Amino acid sequence: MARISYANVDASADPELREYMEQARRFGTPRPETQAIRSHVPAVAKAFSRAWERIFRNGLVEHALKELCRVYVSKTIECSY
């Protein structure tokens, strides 16, 4: 059973953090649940989100390669999802 709570980003006074959460909800990536966990430490959530924007959303990597990376990570951590 998971024991990590989700931060209430909607109640945050930080507009940047709220925007990253809204994007996660809108696009489904990165997962809103993981963003809510990262948001317990706003600096972590922001650093992750900025990198995500540069690499995945606005980067030059082709979609097929991104999917291959996702499969690799899932297999590496033995995720059956």
Protein backbone atom coordinates (compact mmCIF):
# COMPACT_ATOMS: atom_id res chain seq x y z
CA MET A 1 0.00 0.00 0.00
CA ALA A 2 1.35 3.41 -0.98
CA ARG A 3 2.20 5.76 1.86
CA ILE A 4 3.23 8.77 -0.17
CA SER A 5 0.65 11.53 -0.15
CA TYR A 6 -0.16 13.90 -2.97
CA ALA A 7 0.54 17.57 -2.43
CA ASN A 8 -2.45 19.85 -3.02
CA VAL A 9 -0.93 21.82 -5.87
CA ASP A 10 -4.21 23.60 -6.59
CA ALA A 11 -3.89 25.34 -3.22
CA SER A 12 -0.32 26.41 -3.94
CA ALA A 13 0.47 30.12 -4.17
CA ASP A 14 3.10 29.29 -6.81
CA PRO A 15 1.69 29.90 -10.32
CA GLU A 16 4.55 28.02 -12.00
CA LEU A 17 3.85 24.89 -9.97
CA ARG A 18 0.11 25.14 -10.67
CA GLU A 19 0.81 25.50 -14.41
CA TYR A 20 2.98 22.39 -14.46
CA MET A 21 0.20 20.46 -12.75
CA GLU A 22 -2.37 21.77 -15.22
CA GLN A 23 -0.19 20.64 -18.13
CA ALA A 24 0.18 17.20 -16.56
CA ARG A 25 -3.60 16.95 -16.30
CA ARG A 26 -4.15 18.25 -19.82
CA PHE A 27 -1.56 16.05 -21.55
CA GLY A 28 -1.42 13.10 -19.16
CA THR A 29 2.37 13.31 -19.12
CA PRO A 30 4.13 13.42 -16.83
CA ARG A 31 1.49 11.68 -14.76
CA PRO A 32 -0.40 14.13 -12.51
CA GLU A 33 -0.01 11.72 -9.57
CA THR A 34 3.77 11.74 -9.81
CA GLN A 35 3.75 15.51 -10.22
CA ALA A 36 1.68 15.80 -7.03
CA ILE A 37 4.27 13.69 -5.20
CA ARG A 38 7.18 15.75 -6.54
CA SER A 39 5.36 18.91 -5.53
CA HIS A 40 5.99 18.18 -1.86
CA VAL A 41 9.36 19.76 -2.70
CA PRO A 42 8.54 22.57 -5.15
CA ALA A 43 12.15 22.93 -6.32
CA VAL A 44 12.17 19.26 -7.34
CA ALA A 45 8.86 19.55 -9.18
CA LYS A 46 10.05 22.64 -11.03
CA ALA A 47 13.44 21.16 -11.98
CA PHE A 48 11.80 17.98 -13.24
CA SER A 49 9.11 19.89 -15.16
CA ARG A 50 11.58 22.25 -16.80
CA ALA A 51 13.68 19.31 -17.96
CA TRP A 52 10.54 17.48 -19.16
CA GLU A 53 9.51 20.52 -21.20
CA ARG A 54 12.94 20.83 -22.81
CA ILE A 55 13.45 17.16 -23.52
CA PHE A 56 10.05 15.61 -24.14
CA ARG A 57 7.59 18.33 -25.05
CA ASN A 58 9.83 20.73 -26.96
CA GLY A 59 12.81 18.52 -27.76
CA LEU A 60 13.98 17.10 -31.02
CA VAL A 61 13.66 13.45 -30.05
CA GLU A 62 11.24 11.55 -32.27
CA HIS A 63 8.12 10.15 -30.67
CA ALA A 64 9.07 6.53 -31.47
CA LEU A 65 12.35 6.90 -29.57
CA LYS A 66 10.53 8.42 -26.58
CA GLU A 67 8.21 5.40 -26.53
CA LEU A 68 11.19 3.07 -26.68
CA CYS A 69 12.68 4.88 -23.67
CA ARG A 70 9.42 4.46 -21.77
CA VAL A 71 9.37 0.73 -22.49
CA TYR A 72 13.02 0.42 -21.43
CA VAL A 73 12.36 2.17 -18.12
CA SER A 74 9.26 0.03 -17.49
CA LYS A 75 11.17 -3.17 -18.16
CA THR A 76 14.13 -2.03 -16.06
CA ILE A 77 11.97 -1.43 -12.99
CA GLU A 78 9.81 -4.48 -13.77
CA CYS A 79 6.64 -2.43 -14.08
CA SER A 80 3.79 -4.62 -15.29
CA TYR A 81 1.55 -1.66 -16.06
